[in-house]
Every structure is written in C-alpha cells, then in structure tokens.
Amino acid sequence: MNNTIRFAAVAALAVSAFAAQAAGLDFTGDHYPMQVQTQSNLSRAEVVAQVKDAMAHHTMLVQGDELLTPASDKVSTLSRAQVSQEAAAAEAAGALSFGE
C-alpha cells in the first residue's frame, strides 16, 4: 500500500513535468520571466534628456527606489502660531489620526 502511494506521487510529478514541457514555454536561461518585445522610437540620449528634464521640473515621481515628491507651488500664508493653533484645535476635536 505504501509503495502504491509513492508510485502514484512519482507518476503525478512525471506527468506534470511532461505537461509543463508540452506547453512550449521557454523558461531557461535569459527567458524567465517572459518579456514582451517592444520597440522604442527614442534614442538613449533622448531618454536621458527627458529624465533630466523631468527631474529639473519635479515631475518625475520615482527615481530608482526613492519616491520623490514634486515641489509645491503653494506658499503658506499662515504664521507658525496660526498653524499651531489649528493643530491644537484639530487635536481637541479628535480630527487627527495617527494610524490608529
């Protein structure tokens, strides 16, 4: 009985291996993960220029692993004391949330 279960498990693994090969997918070498073939119309210099332009105008939100925030065009007209008072009022009203 024990050998029957082992034989069935080995047979199932063998069948699944043959099924994976029959699908015709090539996961060897540089073919994994499968990549969609695309063609760019831009040269490398044009792409570099676009990246530099986006970074200069703060419109590029991701640079490598770092998330960049765009520069804000808004300038606050409130004084430090006014902001402090608003924060204290919001805290007293229970309007602030710190991830609770």
PDB file of N, CA and C in Angstrom:
ATOM      1  N   MET A   1       0.830  -1.202   0.000  1.00  0.00           N
ATOM      2  CA  MET A   1       0.000   0.000   0.000  1.00  0.00           C
ATOM      3  C   MET A   1       0.865   1.252   0.000  1.00  0.00           C
ATOM      4  N   ASN A   2       1.930   1.226   0.808  1.00  0.00           N
ATOM      5  CA  ASN A   2       2.806   2.382   0.904  1.00  0.00           C
ATOM      6  C   ASN A   2       3.529   2.623  -0.418  1.00  0.00           C
ATOM      7  N   ASN A   3       3.927   1.526  -1.085  1.00  0.00           N
ATOM      8  CA  ASN A   3       4.600   1.674  -2.378  1.00  0.00           C
ATOM      9  C   ASN A   3       3.648   2.202  -3.447  1.00  0.00           C
ATOM     10  N   THR A   4       2.379   1.873  -3.340  1.00  0.00           N
ATOM     11  CA  THR A   4       1.385   2.345  -4.299  1.00  0.00           C
ATOM     12  C   THR A   4       1.253   3.872  -4.220  1.00  0.00           C
ATOM     13  N   ILE A   5       1.246   4.399  -3.009  1.00  0.00           N
ATOM     14  CA  ILE A   5       1.126   5.851  -2.824  1.00  0.00           C
ATOM     15  C   ILE A   5       2.367   6.540  -3.374  1.00  0.00           C
ATOM     16  N   ARG A   6       3.534   5.972  -3.104  1.00  0.00           N
ATOM     17  CA  ARG A   6       4.776   6.559  -3.625  1.00  0.00           C
ATOM     18  C   ARG A   6       4.786   6.531  -5.156  1.00  0.00           C
ATOM     19  N   PHE A   7       4.385   5.417  -5.723  1.00  0.00           N
ATOM     20  CA  PHE A   7       4.346   5.301  -7.176  1.00  0.00           C
ATOM     21  C   PHE A   7       3.380   6.322  -7.776  1.00  0.00           C
ATOM     22  N   ALA A   8       2.235   6.497  -7.139  1.00  0.00           N
ATOM     23  CA  ALA A   8       1.252   7.461  -7.638  1.00  0.00           C
ATOM     24  C   ALA A   8       1.806   8.886  -7.568  1.00  0.00           C
ATOM     25  N   ALA A   9       2.526   9.217  -6.494  1.00  0.00           N
ATOM     26  CA  ALA A   9       3.112  10.554  -6.359  1.00  0.00           C
ATOM     27  C   ALA A   9       4.176  10.784  -7.424  1.00  0.00           C
ATOM     28  N   VAL A  10       5.025   9.791  -7.656  1.00  0.00           N
ATOM     29  CA  VAL A  10       6.071   9.921  -8.673  1.00  0.00           C
ATOM     30  C   VAL A  10       5.441  10.047 -10.058  1.00  0.00           C
ATOM     31  N   ALA A  11       4.406   9.282 -10.314  1.00  0.00           N
ATOM     32  CA  ALA A  11       3.733   9.346 -11.610  1.00  0.00           C
ATOM     33  C   ALA A  11       3.099  10.724 -11.818  1.00  0.00           C
ATOM     34  N   ALA A  12       2.495  11.273 -10.760  1.00  0.00           N
ATOM     35  CA  ALA A  12       1.875  12.598 -10.871  1.00  0.00           C
ATOM     36  C   ALA A  12       2.926  13.659 -11.158  1.00  0.00           C
ATOM     37  N   LEU A  13       4.078  13.578 -10.511  1.00  0.00           N
ATOM     38  CA  LEU A  13       5.152  14.542 -10.775  1.00  0.00           C
ATOM     39  C   LEU A  13       5.668  14.414 -12.201  1.00  0.00           C
ATOM     40  N   ALA A  14       5.806  13.186 -12.672  1.00  0.00           N
ATOM     41  CA  ALA A  14       6.291  12.972 -14.036  1.00  0.00           C
ATOM     42  C   ALA A  14       5.309  13.526 -15.057  1.00  0.00           C
ATOM     43  N   VAL A  15       4.028  13.293 -14.841  1.00  0.00           N
ATOM     44  CA  VAL A  15       3.010  13.793 -15.771  1.00  0.00           C
ATOM     45  C   VAL A  15       2.992  15.319 -15.774  1.00  0.00           C
ATOM     46  N   SER A  16       3.138  15.943 -14.592  1.00  0.00           N
ATOM     47  CA  SER A  16       3.131  17.407 -14.539  1.00  0.00           C
ATOM     48  C   SER A  16       4.365  17.979 -15.228  1.00  0.00           C
ATOM     49  N   ALA A  17       5.500  17.293 -15.126  1.00  0.00           N
ATOM     50  CA  ALA A  17       6.707  17.762 -15.814  1.00  0.00           C
ATOM     51  C   ALA A  17       6.530  17.688 -17.327  1.00  0.00           C
ATOM     52  N   PHE A  18       5.937  16.596 -17.813  1.00  0.00           N
ATOM     53  CA  PHE A  18       5.693  16.481 -19.247  1.00  0.00           C
ATOM     54  C   PHE A  18       4.682  17.523 -19.719  1.00  0.00           C
ATOM     55  N   ALA A  19       3.683  17.813 -18.898  1.00  0.00           N
ATOM     56  CA  ALA A  19       2.679  18.810 -19.272  1.00  0.00           C
ATOM     57  C   ALA A  19       3.306  20.192 -19.366  1.00  0.00           C
ATOM     58  N   ALA A  20       4.227  20.491 -18.451  1.00  0.00           N
ATOM     59  CA  ALA A  20       4.888  21.795 -18.494  1.00  0.00           C
ATOM     60  C   ALA A  20       5.733  21.927 -19.755  1.00  0.00           C
ATOM     61  N   GLN A  21       6.396  20.856 -20.158  1.00  0.00           N
ATOM     62  CA  GLN A  21       7.196  20.889 -21.378  1.00  0.00           C
ATOM     63  C   GLN A  21       6.316  20.984 -22.618  1.00  0.00           C
ATOM     64  N   ALA A  22       5.154  20.362 -22.557  1.00  0.00           N
ATOM     65  CA  ALA A  22       4.257  20.358 -23.709  1.00  0.00           C
ATOM     66  C   ALA A  22       3.671  21.736 -23.981  1.00  0.00           C
ATOM     67  N   ALA A  23       3.659  22.586 -22.978  1.00  0.00           N
ATOM     68  CA  ALA A  23       3.097  23.919 -23.165  1.00  0.00           C
ATOM     69  C   ALA A  23       3.948  24.768 -24.103  1.00  0.00           C
ATOM     70  N   GLY A  24       5.191  24.384 -24.298  1.00  0.00           N
ATOM     71  CA  GLY A  24       6.043  25.113 -25.233  1.00  0.00           C
ATOM     72  C   GLY A  24       6.617  26.395 -24.679  1.00  0.00           C
ATOM     73  N   LEU A  25       6.555  26.602 -23.387  1.00  0.00           N
ATOM     74  CA  LEU A  25       7.095  27.803 -22.779  1.00  0.00           C
ATOM     75  C   LEU A  25       8.571  27.603 -22.478  1.00  0.00           C
ATOM     76  N   ASP A  26       9.362  28.596 -22.761  1.00  0.00           N
ATOM     77  CA  ASP A  26      10.801  28.502 -22.560  1.00  0.00           C
ATOM     78  C   ASP A  26      11.179  29.328 -21.337  1.00  0.00           C
ATOM     79  N   PHE A  27      11.466  28.653 -20.226  1.00  0.00           N
ATOM     80  CA  PHE A  27      11.863  29.332 -19.003  1.00  0.00           C
ATOM     81  C   PHE A  27      13.340  29.090 -18.697  1.00  0.00           C
ATOM     82  N   THR A  28      14.143  28.846 -19.691  1.00  0.00           N
ATOM     83  CA  THR A  28      15.551  28.547 -19.474  1.00  0.00           C
ATOM     84  C   THR A  28      16.391  29.783 -19.739  1.00  0.00           C
ATOM     85  N   GLY A  29      17.536  29.831 -19.123  1.00  0.00           N
ATOM     86  CA  GLY A  29      18.496  30.902 -19.368  1.00  0.00           C
ATOM     87  C   GLY A  29      17.915  32.276 -19.124  1.00  0.00           C
ATOM     88  N   ASP A  30      17.974  33.133 -20.128  1.00  0.00           N
ATOM     89  CA  ASP A  30      17.515  34.520 -20.012  1.00  0.00           C
ATOM     90  C   ASP A  30      16.050  34.687 -20.390  1.00  0.00           C
ATOM     91  N   HIS A  31      15.311  33.614 -20.522  1.00  0.00           N
ATOM     92  CA  HIS A  31      13.922  33.701 -20.970  1.00  0.00           C
ATOM     93  C   HIS A  31      12.920  33.757 -19.829  1.00  0.00           C
ATOM     94  N   TYR A  32      13.375  33.826 -18.586  1.00  0.00           N
ATOM     95  CA  TYR A  32      12.438  33.879 -17.475  1.00  0.00           C
ATOM     96  C   TYR A  32      12.701  35.125 -16.679  1.00  0.00           C
ATOM     97  N   PRO A  33      11.757  35.941 -16.327  1.00  0.00           N
ATOM     98  CA  PRO A  33      10.357  35.838 -16.729  1.00  0.00           C
ATOM     99  C   PRO A  33      10.179  36.258 -18.180  1.00  0.00           C
ATOM    100  N   MET A  34       9.090  35.798 -18.743  1.00  0.00           N
ATOM    101  CA  MET A  34       8.837  36.103 -20.148  1.00  0.00           C
ATOM    102  C   MET A  34       8.677  37.613 -20.323  1.00  0.00           C
ATOM    103  N   GLN A  35       9.288  38.146 -21.352  1.00  0.00           N
ATOM    104  CA  GLN A  35       9.252  39.577 -21.585  1.00  0.00           C
ATOM    105  C   GLN A  35       8.515  39.881 -22.878  1.00  0.00           C
ATOM    106  N   VAL A  36       7.758  40.953 -22.845  1.00  0.00           N
ATOM    107  CA  VAL A  36       7.055  41.405 -24.044  1.00  0.00           C
ATOM    108  C   VAL A  36       8.043  42.207 -24.878  1.00  0.00           C
ATOM    109  N   GLN A  37       8.133  41.883 -26.143  1.00  0.00           N
ATOM    110  CA  GLN A  37       9.051  42.582 -27.027  1.00  0.00           C
ATOM    111  C   GLN A  37       8.451  43.928 -27.424  1.00  0.00           C
ATOM    112  N   THR A  38       9.177  44.993 -27.150  1.00  0.00           N
ATOM    113  CA  THR A  38       8.728  46.330 -27.526  1.00  0.00           C
ATOM    114  C   THR A  38       9.861  47.036 -28.265  1.00  0.00           C
ATOM    115  N   GLN A  39       9.493  48.039 -29.008  1.00  0.00           N
ATOM    116  CA  GLN A  39      10.484  48.814 -29.751  1.00  0.00           C
ATOM    117  C   GLN A  39      10.269  50.279 -29.444  1.00  0.00           C
ATOM    118  N   SER A  40      11.292  50.938 -28.946  1.00  0.00           N
ATOM    119  CA  SER A  40      11.200  52.356 -28.640  1.00  0.00           C
ATOM    120  C   SER A  40      11.587  53.173 -29.855  1.00  0.00           C
ATOM    121  N   ASN A  41      10.973  54.326 -29.986  1.00  0.00           N
ATOM    122  CA  ASN A  41      11.303  55.226 -31.078  1.00  0.00           C
ATOM    123  C   ASN A  41      12.281  56.305 -30.640  1.00  0.00           C
ATOM    124  N   LEU A  42      12.706  56.269 -29.370  1.00  0.00           N
ATOM    125  CA  LEU A  42      13.608  57.279 -28.837  1.00  0.00           C
ATOM    126  C   LEU A  42      15.025  56.725 -28.740  1.00  0.00           C
ATOM    127  N   SER A  43      15.981  57.596 -28.923  1.00  0.00           N
ATOM    128  CA  SER A  43      17.373  57.186 -28.735  1.00  0.00           C
ATOM    129  C   SER A  43      17.699  57.268 -27.245  1.00  0.00           C
ATOM    130  N   ARG A  44      18.810  56.691 -26.861  1.00  0.00           N
ATOM    131  CA  ARG A  44      19.228  56.723 -25.462  1.00  0.00           C
ATOM    132  C   ARG A  44      19.425  58.170 -24.997  1.00  0.00           C
ATOM    133  N   ALA A  45      20.012  58.999 -25.842  1.00  0.00           N
ATOM    134  CA  ALA A  45      20.244  60.398 -25.488  1.00  0.00           C
ATOM    135  C   ALA A  45      18.927  61.139 -25.266  1.00  0.00           C
ATOM    136  N   GLU A  46      17.904  60.829 -26.071  1.00  0.00           N
ATOM    137  CA  GLU A  46      16.600  61.477 -25.893  1.00  0.00           C
ATOM    138  C   GLU A  46      15.949  61.058 -24.574  1.00  0.00           C
ATOM    139  N   VAL A  47      16.086  59.790 -24.208  1.00  0.00           N
ATOM    140  CA  VAL A  47      15.525  59.321 -22.944  1.00  0.00           C
ATOM    141  C   VAL A  47      16.230  59.978 -21.765  1.00  0.00           C
ATOM    142  N   VAL A  48      17.559  60.044 -21.831  1.00  0.00           N
ATOM    143  CA  VAL A  48      18.318  60.696 -20.762  1.00  0.00           C
ATOM    144  C   VAL A  48      17.917  62.160 -20.645  1.00  0.00           C
ATOM    145  N   ALA A  49      17.728  62.829 -21.761  1.00  0.00           N
ATOM    146  CA  ALA A  49      17.309  64.237 -21.741  1.00  0.00           C
ATOM    147  C   ALA A  49      15.927  64.394 -21.119  1.00  0.00           C
ATOM    148  N   GLN A  50      14.998  63.476 -21.437  1.00  0.00           N
ATOM    149  CA  GLN A  50      13.666  63.538 -20.848  1.00  0.00           C
ATOM    150  C   GLN A  50      13.711  63.307 -19.330  1.00  0.00           C
ATOM    151  N   VAL A  51      14.543  62.387 -18.890  1.00  0.00           N
ATOM    152  CA  VAL A  51      14.666  62.125 -17.448  1.00  0.00           C
ATOM    153  C   VAL A  51      15.227  63.350 -16.743  1.00  0.00           C
ATOM    154  N   LYS A  52      16.265  63.942 -17.305  1.00  0.00           N
ATOM    155  CA  LYS A  52      16.863  65.140 -16.687  1.00  0.00           C
ATOM    156  C   LYS A  52      15.853  66.283 -16.650  1.00  0.00           C
ATOM    157  N   ASP A  53      15.076  66.445 -17.714  1.00  0.00           N
ATOM    158  CA  ASP A  53      14.062  67.493 -17.762  1.00  0.00           C
ATOM    159  C   ASP A  53      12.984  67.262 -16.706  1.00  0.00           C
ATOM    160  N   ALA A  54      12.543  66.010 -16.573  1.00  0.00           N
ATOM    161  CA  ALA A  54      11.520  65.694 -15.571  1.00  0.00           C
ATOM    162  C   ALA A  54      12.044  65.926 -14.158  1.00  0.00           C
ATOM    163  N   MET A  55      13.298  65.576 -13.916  1.00  0.00           N
ATOM    164  CA  MET A  55      13.872  65.806 -12.587  1.00  0.00           C
ATOM    165  C   MET A  55      14.025  67.300 -12.311  1.00  0.00           C
ATOM    166  N   ALA A  56      14.393  68.078 -13.340  1.00  0.00           N
ATOM    167  CA  ALA A  56      14.565  69.516 -13.159  1.00  0.00           C
ATOM    168  C   ALA A  56      13.240  70.209 -12.875  1.00  0.00           C
ATOM    169  N   HIS A  57      12.146  69.701 -13.470  1.00  0.00           N
ATOM    170  CA  HIS A  57      10.832  70.319 -13.280  1.00  0.00           C
ATOM    171  C   HIS A  57      10.021  69.625 -12.188  1.00  0.00           C
ATOM    172  N   HIS A  58      10.644  68.717 -11.451  1.00  0.00           N
ATOM    173  CA  HIS A  58       9.993  67.999 -10.340  1.00  0.00           C
ATOM    174  C   HIS A  58       8.730  67.273 -10.775  1.00  0.00           C
ATOM    175  N   THR A  59       8.746  66.704 -11.951  1.00  0.00           N
ATOM    176  CA  THR A  59       7.586  65.936 -12.414  1.00  0.00           C
ATOM    177  C   THR A  59       7.865  64.443 -12.428  1.00  0.00           C
ATOM    178  N   MET A  60       9.077  64.052 -12.074  1.00  0.00           N
ATOM    179  CA  MET A  60       9.435  62.633 -12.013  1.00  0.00           C
ATOM    180  C   MET A  60       9.252  62.167 -10.583  1.00  0.00           C
ATOM    181  N   LEU A  61       8.271  61.297 -10.380  1.00  0.00           N
ATOM    182  CA  LEU A  61       7.927  60.911  -9.025  1.00  0.00           C
ATOM    183  C   LEU A  61       8.785  59.784  -8.472  1.00  0.00           C
ATOM    184  N   VAL A  62       9.362  58.956  -9.326  1.00  0.00           N
ATOM    185  CA  VAL A  62      10.168  57.842  -8.846  1.00  0.00           C
ATOM    186  C   VAL A  62      11.536  57.901  -9.490  1.00  0.00           C
ATOM    187  N   GLN A  63      12.555  57.825  -8.662  1.00  0.00           N
ATOM    188  CA  GLN A  63      13.918  57.797  -9.155  1.00  0.00           C
ATOM    189  C   GLN A  63      14.610  56.633  -8.457  1.00  0.00           C
ATOM    190  N   GLY A  64      14.787  55.526  -9.167  1.00  0.00           N
ATOM    191  CA  GLY A  64      15.343  54.334  -8.537  1.00  0.00           C
ATOM    192  C   GLY A  64      14.354  53.799  -7.522  1.00  0.00           C
ATOM    193  N   ASP A  65      14.804  53.592  -6.305  1.00  0.00           N
ATOM    194  CA  ASP A  65      13.937  53.114  -5.236  1.00  0.00           C
ATOM    195  C   ASP A  65      13.395  54.253  -4.394  1.00  0.00           C
ATOM    196  N   GLU A  66      13.763  55.467  -4.711  1.00  0.00           N
ATOM    197  CA  GLU A  66      13.383  56.614  -3.901  1.00  0.00           C
ATOM    198  C   GLU A  66      12.164  57.317  -4.488  1.00  0.00           C
ATOM    199  N   LEU A  67      11.184  57.572  -3.647  1.00  0.00           N
ATOM    200  CA  LEU A  67       9.992  58.295  -4.084  1.00  0.00           C
ATOM    201  C   LEU A  67      10.234  59.777  -3.878  1.00  0.00           C
ATOM    202  N   LEU A  68      10.154  60.528  -4.945  1.00  0.00           N
ATOM    203  CA  LEU A  68      10.349  61.965  -4.878  1.00  0.00           C
ATOM    204  C   LEU A  68       9.002  62.659  -4.855  1.00  0.00           C
ATOM    205  N   THR A  69       8.910  63.705  -4.095  1.00  0.00           N
ATOM    206  CA  THR A  69       7.671  64.476  -4.066  1.00  0.00           C
ATOM    207  C   THR A  69       7.867  65.729  -4.911  1.00  0.00           C
ATOM    208  N   PRO A  70       6.898  66.057  -5.732  1.00  0.00           N
ATOM    209  CA  PRO A  70       7.025  67.258  -6.559  1.00  0.00           C
ATOM    210  C   PRO A  70       7.072  68.515  -5.704  1.00  0.00           C
ATOM    211  N   ALA A  71       7.795  69.488  -6.177  1.00  0.00           N
ATOM    212  CA  ALA A  71       7.866  70.755  -5.454  1.00  0.00           C
ATOM    213  C   ALA A  71       6.502  71.417  -5.486  1.00  0.00           C
ATOM    214  N   SER A  72       6.101  71.944  -4.371  1.00  0.00           N
ATOM    215  CA  SER A  72       4.800  72.578  -4.283  1.00  0.00           C
ATOM    216  C   SER A  72       4.896  74.031  -4.725  1.00  0.00           C
ATOM    217  N   ASP A  73       3.945  74.449  -5.520  1.00  0.00           N
ATOM    218  CA  ASP A  73       3.908  75.835  -5.965  1.00  0.00           C
ATOM    219  C   ASP A  73       3.206  76.733  -4.947  1.00  0.00           C
ATOM    220  N   LYS A  74       2.584  76.098  -3.965  1.00  0.00           N
ATOM    221  CA  LYS A  74       1.834  76.862  -2.971  1.00  0.00           C
ATOM    222  C   LYS A  74       2.755  77.310  -1.835  1.00  0.00           C
ATOM    223  N   VAL A  75       2.563  78.528  -1.414  1.00  0.00           N
ATOM    224  CA  VAL A  75       3.316  79.064  -0.292  1.00  0.00           C
ATOM    225  C   VAL A  75       2.315  79.373   0.810  1.00  0.00           C
ATOM    226  N   SER A  76       2.604  78.898   2.000  1.00  0.00           N
ATOM    227  CA  SER A  76       1.696  79.118   3.117  1.00  0.00           C
ATOM    228  C   SER A  76       1.719  80.577   3.544  1.00  0.00           C
ATOM    229  N   THR A  77       0.537  81.097   3.857  1.00  0.00           N
ATOM    230  CA  THR A  77       0.433  82.477   4.351  1.00  0.00           C
ATOM    231  C   THR A  77       0.174  82.509   5.841  1.00  0.00           C
ATOM    232  N   LEU A  78       0.112  81.299   6.454  1.00  0.00           N
ATOM    233  CA  LEU A  78      -0.146  81.226   7.884  1.00  0.00           C
ATOM    234  C   LEU A  78       1.150  81.348   8.664  1.00  0.00           C
ATOM    235  N   SER A  79       1.033  81.964   9.838  1.00  0.00           N
ATOM    236  CA  SER A  79       2.208  82.039  10.701  1.00  0.00           C
ATOM    237  C   SER A  79       2.356  80.722  11.468  1.00  0.00           C
ATOM    238  N   ARG A  80       3.491  80.522  12.086  1.00  0.00           N
ATOM    239  CA  ARG A  80       3.736  79.321  12.872  1.00  0.00           C
ATOM    240  C   ARG A  80       2.717  79.207  14.010  1.00  0.00           C
ATOM    241  N   ALA A  81       2.382  80.324  14.627  1.00  0.00           N
ATOM    242  CA  ALA A  81       1.417  80.329  15.736  1.00  0.00           C
ATOM    243  C   ALA A  81       0.028  79.917  15.238  1.00  0.00           C
ATOM    244  N   GLN A  82      -0.364  80.379  14.039  1.00  0.00           N
ATOM    245  CA  GLN A  82      -1.671  80.017  13.490  1.00  0.00           C
ATOM    246  C   GLN A  82      -1.739  78.512  13.182  1.00  0.00           C
ATOM    247  N   VAL A  83      -0.675  77.981  12.627  1.00  0.00           N
ATOM    248  CA  VAL A  83      -0.644  76.550  12.331  1.00  0.00           C
ATOM    249  C   VAL A  83      -0.716  75.754  13.622  1.00  0.00           C
ATOM    250  N   SER A  84      -0.004  76.197  14.640  1.00  0.00           N
ATOM    251  CA  SER A  84      -0.021  75.525  15.939  1.00  0.00           C
ATOM    252  C   SER A  84      -1.416  75.548  16.553  1.00  0.00           C
ATOM    253  N   GLN A  85      -2.097  76.682  16.428  1.00  0.00           N
ATOM    254  CA  GLN A  85      -3.463  76.797  16.959  1.00  0.00           C
ATOM    255  C   GLN A  85      -4.418  75.874  16.204  1.00  0.00           C
ATOM    256  N   GLU A  86      -4.291  75.800  14.891  1.00  0.00           N
ATOM    257  CA  GLU A  86      -5.147  74.911  14.107  1.00  0.00           C
ATOM    258  C   GLU A  86      -4.906  73.453  14.464  1.00  0.00           C
ATOM    259  N   ALA A  87      -3.658  73.091  14.673  1.00  0.00           N
ATOM    260  CA  ALA A  87      -3.335  71.712  15.044  1.00  0.00           C
ATOM    261  C   ALA A  87      -3.900  71.370  16.416  1.00  0.00           C
ATOM    262  N   ALA A  88      -3.804  72.315  17.360  1.00  0.00           N
ATOM    263  CA  ALA A  88      -4.341  72.089  18.703  1.00  0.00           C
ATOM    264  C   ALA A  88      -5.864  71.955  18.661  1.00  0.00           C
ATOM    265  N   ALA A  89      -6.519  72.771  17.834  1.00  0.00           N
ATOM    266  CA  ALA A  89      -7.978  72.701  17.710  1.00  0.00           C
ATOM    267  C   ALA A  89      -8.400  71.381  17.066  1.00  0.00           C
ATOM    268  N   ALA A  90      -7.666  70.932  16.055  1.00  0.00           N
ATOM    269  CA  ALA A  90      -7.983  69.658  15.414  1.00  0.00           C
ATOM    270  C   ALA A  90      -7.774  68.497  16.367  1.00  0.00           C
ATOM    271  N   GLU A  91      -6.736  68.567  17.196  1.00  0.00           N
ATOM    272  CA  GLU A  91      -6.488  67.502  18.172  1.00  0.00           C
ATOM    273  C   GLU A  91      -7.585  67.477  19.227  1.00  0.00           C
ATOM    274  N   ALA A  92      -8.006  68.637  19.669  1.00  0.00           N
ATOM    275  CA  ALA A  92      -9.072  68.716  20.669  1.00  0.00           C
ATOM    276  C   ALA A  92     -10.395  68.192  20.115  1.00  0.00           C
ATOM    277  N   ALA A  93     -10.623  68.392  18.830  1.00  0.00           N
ATOM    278  CA  ALA A  93     -11.860  67.933  18.208  1.00  0.00           C
ATOM    279  C   ALA A  93     -11.775  66.458  17.815  1.00  0.00           C
ATOM    280  N   GLY A  94     -10.597  65.836  17.968  1.00  0.00           N
ATOM    281  CA  GLY A  94     -10.430  64.437  17.604  1.00  0.00           C
ATOM    282  C   GLY A  94     -10.315  64.225  16.105  1.00  0.00           C
ATOM    283  N   ALA A  95      -9.903  65.251  15.380  1.00  0.00           N
ATOM    284  CA  ALA A  95      -9.825  65.166  13.928  1.00  0.00           C
ATOM    285  C   ALA A  95      -8.479  64.657  13.439  1.00  0.00           C
ATOM    286  N   LEU A  96      -7.532  64.443  14.326  1.00  0.00           N
ATOM    287  CA  LEU A  96      -6.218  63.956  13.912  1.00  0.00           C
ATOM    288  C   LEU A  96      -6.169  62.445  14.053  1.00  0.00           C
ATOM    289  N   SER A  97      -5.543  61.801  13.091  1.00  0.00           N
ATOM    290  CA  SER A  97      -5.406  60.340  13.116  1.00  0.00           C
ATOM    291  C   SER A  97      -3.938  60.000  12.942  1.00  0.00           C
ATOM    292  N   PHE A  98      -3.423  59.170  13.832  1.00  0.00           N
ATOM    293  CA  PHE A  98      -2.022  58.776  13.769  1.00  0.00           C
ATOM    294  C   PHE A  98      -1.901  57.299  13.489  1.00  0.00           C
ATOM    295  N   GLY A  99      -2.699  56.781  12.588  1.00  0.00           N
ATOM    296  CA  GLY A  99      -2.616  55.386  12.193  1.00  0.00           C
ATOM    297  C   GLY A  99      -3.251  54.430  13.175  1.00  0.00           C
ATOM    298  N   GLU A 100      -4.166  54.902  13.960  1.00  0.00           N
ATOM    299  CA  GLU A 100      -4.826  54.036  14.946  1.00  0.00           C
ATOM    300  C   GLU A 100      -6.020  53.347  14.354  1.00  0.00           C
TER     301      GLU A 100
END
